[in-house]
């Protein structure tokens, strides 16, 4: 799915980017697990990202509970 640059300008993460769920995230959000951004949306209190994990499960996770994967 293509998006405009303006739409993505306010987001911390981008489509397809690898992220890790913070270790302080609630257990139901899989703390420490790595996934890829496959969706994003604005809500009243911030931004949610749809993160797909390697097992095919996808969860919406708040931006503050995600961290980028550093280049290895």
PDB file of N, CA and C in Angstrom:
ATOM      1  N   UNK A   1       0.845  -1.175   0.000  1.00  0.00           N
ATOM      2  CA  UNK A   1       0.000   0.000   0.000  1.00  0.00           C
ATOM      3  C   UNK A   1       0.892   1.241   0.000  1.00  0.00           C
ATOM      4  N   UNK A   2       0.686   2.142  -0.912  1.00  0.00           N
ATOM      5  CA  UNK A   2       1.467   3.370  -0.992  1.00  0.00           C
ATOM      6  C   UNK A   2       0.821   4.456  -0.150  1.00  0.00           C
ATOM      7  N   UNK A   3       1.658   5.266   0.466  1.00  0.00           N
ATOM      8  CA  UNK A   3       1.168   6.395   1.249  1.00  0.00           C
ATOM      9  C   UNK A   3       1.943   7.639   0.856  1.00  0.00           C
ATOM     10  N   UNK A   4       1.362   8.785   1.149  1.00  0.00           N
ATOM     11  CA  UNK A   4       2.051  10.029   0.830  1.00  0.00           C
ATOM     12  C   UNK A   4       3.096  10.332   1.886  1.00  0.00           C
ATOM     13  N   UNK A   5       4.126  11.048   1.509  1.00  0.00           N
ATOM     14  CA  UNK A   5       5.185  11.428   2.441  1.00  0.00           C
ATOM     15  C   UNK A   5       4.607  12.230   3.599  1.00  0.00           C
ATOM     16  N   UNK A   6       3.640  13.107   3.317  1.00  0.00           N
ATOM     17  CA  UNK A   6       3.045  13.937   4.367  1.00  0.00           C
ATOM     18  C   UNK A   6       2.348  13.089   5.427  1.00  0.00           C
ATOM     19  N   UNK A   7       1.704  12.001   5.015  1.00  0.00           N
ATOM     20  CA  UNK A   7       1.010  11.151   5.968  1.00  0.00           C
ATOM     21  C   UNK A   7       1.993  10.497   6.938  1.00  0.00           C
ATOM     22  N   UNK A   8       3.140  10.095   6.446  1.00  0.00           N
ATOM     23  CA  UNK A   8       4.115   9.399   7.274  1.00  0.00           C
ATOM     24  C   UNK A   8       5.044  10.338   8.039  1.00  0.00           C
ATOM     25  N   UNK A   9       5.013  11.618   7.767  1.00  0.00           N
ATOM     26  CA  UNK A   9       5.961  12.563   8.356  1.00  0.00           C
ATOM     27  C   UNK A   9       5.897  12.606   9.875  1.00  0.00           C
ATOM     28  N   UNK A  10       4.742  12.386  10.484  1.00  0.00           N
ATOM     29  CA  UNK A  10       4.601  12.489  11.927  1.00  0.00           C
ATOM     30  C   UNK A  10       4.812  11.171  12.656  1.00  0.00           C
ATOM     31  N   UNK A  11       5.046  10.117  11.935  1.00  0.00           N
ATOM     32  CA  UNK A  11       5.198   8.806  12.549  1.00  0.00           C
ATOM     33  C   UNK A  11       6.668   8.513  12.848  1.00  0.00           C
ATOM     34  N   UNK A  12       6.908   7.874  13.983  1.00  0.00           N
ATOM     35  CA  UNK A  12       8.266   7.525  14.388  1.00  0.00           C
ATOM     36  C   UNK A  12       8.804   6.351  13.571  1.00  0.00           C
ATOM     37  N   UNK A  13       7.923   5.420  13.186  1.00  0.00           N
ATOM     38  CA  UNK A  13       8.304   4.231  12.439  1.00  0.00           C
ATOM     39  C   UNK A  13       7.650   4.243  11.068  1.00  0.00           C
ATOM     40  N   UNK A  14       8.196   3.467  10.134  1.00  0.00           N
ATOM     41  CA  UNK A  14       7.697   3.446   8.760  1.00  0.00           C
ATOM     42  C   UNK A  14       7.241   2.031   8.392  1.00  0.00           C
ATOM     43  N   UNK A  15       6.470   1.932   7.327  1.00  0.00           N
ATOM     44  CA  UNK A  15       5.974   0.645   6.822  1.00  0.00           C
ATOM     45  C   UNK A  15       7.135  -0.319   6.624  1.00  0.00           C
ATOM     46  N   UNK A  16       6.992  -1.557   7.088  1.00  0.00           N
ATOM     47  CA  UNK A  16       7.995  -2.586   6.878  1.00  0.00           C
ATOM     48  C   UNK A  16       9.179  -2.537   7.825  1.00  0.00           C
ATOM     49  N   UNK A  17       9.275  -1.489   8.632  1.00  0.00           N
ATOM     50  CA  UNK A  17      10.414  -1.348   9.539  1.00  0.00           C
ATOM     51  C   UNK A  17      10.359  -2.404  10.644  1.00  0.00           C
ATOM     52  N   UNK A  18      11.516  -2.973  10.970  1.00  0.00           N
ATOM     53  CA  UNK A  18      11.604  -3.937  12.063  1.00  0.00           C
ATOM     54  C   UNK A  18      11.635  -3.193  13.392  1.00  0.00           C
ATOM     55  N   UNK A  19      10.834  -3.662  14.332  1.00  0.00           N
ATOM     56  CA  UNK A  19      10.765  -3.055  15.664  1.00  0.00           C
ATOM     57  C   UNK A  19      10.746  -4.150  16.730  1.00  0.00           C
ATOM     58  N   UNK A  20      11.074  -3.750  17.941  1.00  0.00           N
ATOM     59  CA  UNK A  20      10.995  -4.651  19.088  1.00  0.00           C
ATOM     60  C   UNK A  20      10.010  -4.049  20.081  1.00  0.00           C
ATOM     61  N   UNK A  21       9.171  -4.882  20.650  1.00  0.00           N
ATOM     62  CA  UNK A  21       8.259  -4.441  21.707  1.00  0.00           C
ATOM     63  C   UNK A  21       9.112  -4.255  22.967  1.00  0.00           C
ATOM     64  N   UNK A  22       8.949  -3.138  23.656  1.00  0.00           N
ATOM     65  CA  UNK A  22       9.759  -2.873  24.849  1.00  0.00           C
ATOM     66  C   UNK A  22       9.533  -3.943  25.912  1.00  0.00           C
ATOM     67  N   UNK A  23      10.515  -4.124  26.753  1.00  0.00           N
ATOM     68  CA  UNK A  23      10.412  -5.125  27.820  1.00  0.00           C
ATOM     69  C   UNK A  23       9.436  -4.699  28.905  1.00  0.00           C
ATOM     70  N   UNK A  24       9.038  -3.436  28.905  1.00  0.00           N
ATOM     71  CA  UNK A  24       8.077  -2.931  29.893  1.00  0.00           C
ATOM     72  C   UNK A  24       6.634  -3.007  29.402  1.00  0.00           C
ATOM     73  N   UNK A  25       6.427  -3.487  28.184  1.00  0.00           N
ATOM     74  CA  UNK A  25       5.071  -3.606  27.627  1.00  0.00           C
ATOM     75  C   UNK A  25       4.284  -4.672  28.395  1.00  0.00           C
ATOM     76  N   UNK A  26       2.956  -4.541  28.421  1.00  0.00           N
ATOM     77  CA  UNK A  26       2.133  -5.576  29.049  1.00  0.00           C
ATOM     78  C   UNK A  26       2.373  -6.941  28.395  1.00  0.00           C
ATOM     79  N   UNK A  27       2.223  -7.988  29.161  1.00  0.00           N
ATOM     80  CA  UNK A  27       2.497  -9.354  28.695  1.00  0.00           C
ATOM     81  C   UNK A  27       1.714  -9.708  27.427  1.00  0.00           C
ATOM     82  N   UNK A  28       0.479  -9.216  27.290  1.00  0.00           N
ATOM     83  CA  UNK A  28      -0.333  -9.551  26.117  1.00  0.00           C
ATOM     84  C   UNK A  28       0.175  -8.896  24.829  1.00  0.00           C
ATOM     85  N   UNK A  29       1.140  -7.987  24.944  1.00  0.00           N
ATOM     86  CA  UNK A  29       1.732  -7.342  23.764  1.00  0.00           C
ATOM     87  C   UNK A  29       3.090  -7.941  23.419  1.00  0.00           C
ATOM     88  N   UNK A  30       3.452  -9.028  24.073  1.00  0.00           N
ATOM     89  CA  UNK A  30       4.673  -9.785  23.777  1.00  0.00           C
ATOM     90  C   UNK A  30       5.960  -8.971  23.972  1.00  0.00           C
ATOM     91  N   UNK A  31       6.246  -8.542  25.208  1.00  0.00           N
ATOM     92  CA  UNK A  31       7.470  -7.767  25.457  1.00  0.00           C
ATOM     93  C   UNK A  31       8.721  -8.490  24.948  1.00  0.00           C
ATOM     94  N   UNK A  32       9.588  -7.715  24.296  1.00  0.00           N
ATOM     95  CA  UNK A  32      10.850  -8.235  23.784  1.00  0.00           C
ATOM     96  C   UNK A  32      10.764  -8.885  22.417  1.00  0.00           C
ATOM     97  N   UNK A  33       9.570  -9.113  21.906  1.00  0.00           N
ATOM     98  CA  UNK A  33       9.397  -9.790  20.621  1.00  0.00           C
ATOM     99  C   UNK A  33       9.631  -8.812  19.460  1.00  0.00           C
ATOM    100  N   UNK A  34      10.194  -9.318  18.377  1.00  0.00           N
ATOM    101  CA  UNK A  34      10.504  -8.526  17.180  1.00  0.00           C
ATOM    102  C   UNK A  34       9.439  -8.767  16.115  1.00  0.00           C
ATOM    103  N   UNK A  35       9.057  -7.685  15.432  1.00  0.00           N
ATOM    104  CA  UNK A  35       8.094  -7.769  14.343  1.00  0.00           C
ATOM    105  C   UNK A  35       8.315  -6.656  13.340  1.00  0.00           C
ATOM    106  N   UNK A  36       7.418  -6.549  12.377  1.00  0.00           N
ATOM    107  CA  UNK A  36       7.506  -5.515  11.339  1.00  0.00           C
ATOM    108  C   UNK A  36       6.232  -4.681  11.320  1.00  0.00           C
ATOM    109  N   UNK A  37       6.393  -3.391  11.075  1.00  0.00           N
ATOM    110  CA  UNK A  37       5.257  -2.474  10.974  1.00  0.00           C
ATOM    111  C   UNK A  37       4.491  -2.776   9.685  1.00  0.00           C
ATOM    112  N   UNK A  38       3.186  -3.040   9.822  1.00  0.00           N
ATOM    113  CA  UNK A  38       2.376  -3.285   8.622  1.00  0.00           C
ATOM    114  C   UNK A  38       1.129  -2.407   8.602  1.00  0.00           C
ATOM    115  N   UNK A  39       1.040  -1.462   9.524  1.00  0.00           N
ATOM    116  CA  UNK A  39      -0.067  -0.526   9.549  1.00  0.00           C
ATOM    117  C   UNK A  39       0.136   0.503  10.639  1.00  0.00           C
ATOM    118  N   UNK A  40      -0.534   1.613  10.515  1.00  0.00           N
ATOM    119  CA  UNK A  40      -0.425   2.670  11.520  1.00  0.00           C
ATOM    120  C   UNK A  40      -1.667   3.539  11.462  1.00  0.00           C
ATOM    121  N   UNK A  41      -2.019   4.085  12.644  1.00  0.00           N
ATOM    122  CA  UNK A  41      -3.160   5.000  12.671  1.00  0.00           C
ATOM    123  C   UNK A  41      -3.061   5.921  13.873  1.00  0.00           C
ATOM    124  N   UNK A  42      -3.667   7.085  13.705  1.00  0.00           N
ATOM    125  CA  UNK A  42      -3.733   8.097  14.758  1.00  0.00           C
ATOM    126  C   UNK A  42      -4.931   7.812  15.651  1.00  0.00           C
ATOM    127  N   UNK A  43      -4.746   8.009  16.945  1.00  0.00           N
ATOM    128  CA  UNK A  43      -5.850   7.961  17.896  1.00  0.00           C
ATOM    129  C   UNK A  43      -5.767   9.218  18.741  1.00  0.00           C
ATOM    130  N   UNK A  44      -6.754   9.464  19.572  1.00  0.00           N
ATOM    131  CA  UNK A  44      -6.786  10.675  20.395  1.00  0.00           C
ATOM    132  C   UNK A  44      -5.532  10.838  21.234  1.00  0.00           C
ATOM    133  N   UNK A  45      -5.053   9.747  21.816  1.00  0.00           N
ATOM    134  CA  UNK A  45      -3.909   9.806  22.730  1.00  0.00           C
ATOM    135  C   UNK A  45      -2.564   9.553  22.075  1.00  0.00           C
ATOM    136  N   UNK A  46      -2.500   9.429  20.759  1.00  0.00           N
ATOM    137  CA  UNK A  46      -1.218   9.179  20.106  1.00  0.00           C
ATOM    138  C   UNK A  46      -1.362   8.361  18.843  1.00  0.00           C
ATOM    139  N   UNK A  47      -0.427   7.410  18.670  1.00  0.00           N
ATOM    140  CA  UNK A  47      -0.396   6.591  17.460  1.00  0.00           C
ATOM    141  C   UNK A  47      -0.322   5.115  17.821  1.00  0.00           C
ATOM    142  N   UNK A  48      -0.998   4.303  17.022  1.00  0.00           N
ATOM    143  CA  UNK A  48      -0.929   2.856  17.143  1.00  0.00           C
ATOM    144  C   UNK A  48      -0.295   2.298  15.887  1.00  0.00           C
ATOM    145  N   UNK A  49       0.510   1.252  16.064  1.00  0.00           N
ATOM    146  CA  UNK A  49       1.138   0.566  14.939  1.00  0.00           C
ATOM    147  C   UNK A  49       0.667  -0.872  14.932  1.00  0.00           C
ATOM    148  N   UNK A  50       0.325  -1.366  13.756  1.00  0.00           N
ATOM    149  CA  UNK A  50       0.010  -2.772  13.602  1.00  0.00           C
ATOM    150  C   UNK A  50       1.342  -3.473  13.347  1.00  0.00           C
ATOM    151  N   UNK A  51       1.730  -4.342  14.267  1.00  0.00           N
ATOM    152  CA  UNK A  51       3.009  -5.049  14.183  1.00  0.00           C
ATOM    153  C   UNK A  51       2.728  -6.515  13.900  1.00  0.00           C
ATOM    154  N   UNK A  52       3.328  -7.028  12.820  1.00  0.00           N
ATOM    155  CA  UNK A  52       3.184  -8.443  12.489  1.00  0.00           C
ATOM    156  C   UNK A  52       4.443  -9.183  12.917  1.00  0.00           C
ATOM    157  N   UNK A  53       4.236 -10.277  13.638  1.00  0.00           N
ATOM    158  CA  UNK A  53       5.343 -11.082  14.130  1.00  0.00           C
ATOM    159  C   UNK A  53       5.600 -12.248  13.176  1.00  0.00           C
ATOM    160  N   UNK A  54       6.735 -12.913  13.333  1.00  0.00           N
ATOM    161  CA  UNK A  54       7.144 -13.974  12.408  1.00  0.00           C
ATOM    162  C   UNK A  54       6.174 -15.158  12.376  1.00  0.00           C
ATOM    163  N   UNK A  55       5.388 -15.327  13.429  1.00  0.00           N
ATOM    164  CA  UNK A  55       4.413 -16.431  13.451  1.00  0.00           C
ATOM    165  C   UNK A  55       3.090 -16.052  12.779  1.00  0.00           C
ATOM    166  N   UNK A  56       3.017 -14.828  12.223  1.00  0.00           N
ATOM    167  CA  UNK A  56       1.824 -14.363  11.522  1.00  0.00           C
ATOM    168  C   UNK A  56       0.847 -13.590  12.383  1.00  0.00           C
ATOM    169  N   UNK A  57       1.035 -13.615  13.691  1.00  0.00           N
ATOM    170  CA  UNK A  57       0.171 -12.844  14.591  1.00  0.00           C
ATOM    171  C   UNK A  57       0.447 -11.355  14.401  1.00  0.00           C
ATOM    172  N   UNK A  58      -0.581 -10.537  14.481  1.00  0.00           N
ATOM    173  CA  UNK A  58      -0.437  -9.090  14.367  1.00  0.00           C
ATOM    174  C   UNK A  58      -1.196  -8.429  15.508  1.00  0.00           C
ATOM    175  N   UNK A  59      -0.581  -7.425  16.108  1.00  0.00           N
ATOM    176  CA  UNK A  59      -1.188  -6.680  17.216  1.00  0.00           C
ATOM    177  C   UNK A  59      -1.018  -5.189  16.997  1.00  0.00           C
ATOM    178  N   UNK A  60      -2.007  -4.416  17.448  1.00  0.00           N
ATOM    179  CA  UNK A  60      -1.844  -2.963  17.480  1.00  0.00           C
ATOM    180  C   UNK A  60      -1.141  -2.607  18.781  1.00  0.00           C
ATOM    181  N   UNK A  61      -0.046  -1.873  18.656  1.00  0.00           N
ATOM    182  CA  UNK A  61       0.776  -1.536  19.811  1.00  0.00           C
ATOM    183  C   UNK A  61       1.048  -0.036  19.795  1.00  0.00           C
ATOM    184  N   UNK A  62       0.905   0.647  20.950  1.00  0.00           N
ATOM    185  CA  UNK A  62       1.187   2.077  21.013  1.00  0.00           C
ATOM    186  C   UNK A  62       2.656   2.380  20.692  1.00  0.00           C
ATOM    187  N   UNK A  63       2.873   3.516  20.074  1.00  0.00           N
ATOM    188  CA  UNK A  63       4.208   3.945  19.654  1.00  0.00           C
ATOM    189  C   UNK A  63       5.222   3.903  20.795  1.00  0.00           C
ATOM    190  N   UNK A  64       4.812   4.312  22.000  1.00  0.00           N
ATOM    191  CA  UNK A  64       5.760   4.390  23.123  1.00  0.00           C
ATOM    192  C   UNK A  64       6.190   3.021  23.637  1.00  0.00           C
ATOM    193  N   UNK A  65       5.579   1.934  23.149  1.00  0.00           N
ATOM    194  CA  UNK A  65       5.960   0.599  23.562  1.00  0.00           C
ATOM    195  C   UNK A  65       6.777  -0.132  22.490  1.00  0.00           C
ATOM    196  N   UNK A  66       7.255   0.619  21.494  1.00  0.00           N
ATOM    197  CA  UNK A  66       8.067   0.057  20.413  1.00  0.00           C
ATOM    198  C   UNK A  66       9.412   0.746  20.360  1.00  0.00           C
ATOM    199  N   UNK A  67      10.429  -0.010  19.951  1.00  0.00           N
ATOM    200  CA  UNK A  67      11.760   0.556  19.745  1.00  0.00           C
ATOM    201  C   UNK A  67      12.325   0.027  18.435  1.00  0.00           C
ATOM    202  N   UNK A  68      13.113   0.864  17.741  1.00  0.00           N
ATOM    203  CA  UNK A  68      13.667   0.425  16.461  1.00  0.00           C
ATOM    204  C   UNK A  68      14.719  -0.660  16.672  1.00  0.00           C
ATOM    205  N   UNK A  69      14.882  -1.521  15.682  1.00  0.00           N
ATOM    206  CA  UNK A  69      15.952  -2.508  15.676  1.00  0.00           C
ATOM    207  C   UNK A  69      17.154  -1.829  15.056  1.00  0.00           C
ATOM    208  N   UNK A  70      18.246  -1.850  15.764  1.00  0.00           N
ATOM    209  CA  UNK A  70      19.493  -1.238  15.245  1.00  0.00           C
ATOM    210  C   UNK A  70      20.063  -2.115  14.127  1.00  0.00           C
ATOM    211  N   UNK A  71      20.684  -1.472  13.137  1.00  0.00           N
ATOM    212  CA  UNK A  71      21.339  -2.230  12.067  1.00  0.00           C
ATOM    213  C   UNK A  71      22.390  -3.136  12.665  1.00  0.00           C
ATOM    214  N   UNK A  72      22.422  -4.360  12.213  1.00  0.00           N
ATOM    215  CA  UNK A  72      23.359  -5.336  12.760  1.00  0.00           C
ATOM    216  C   UNK A  72      24.595  -5.467  11.921  1.00  0.00           C
TER     217      UNK A  72
END
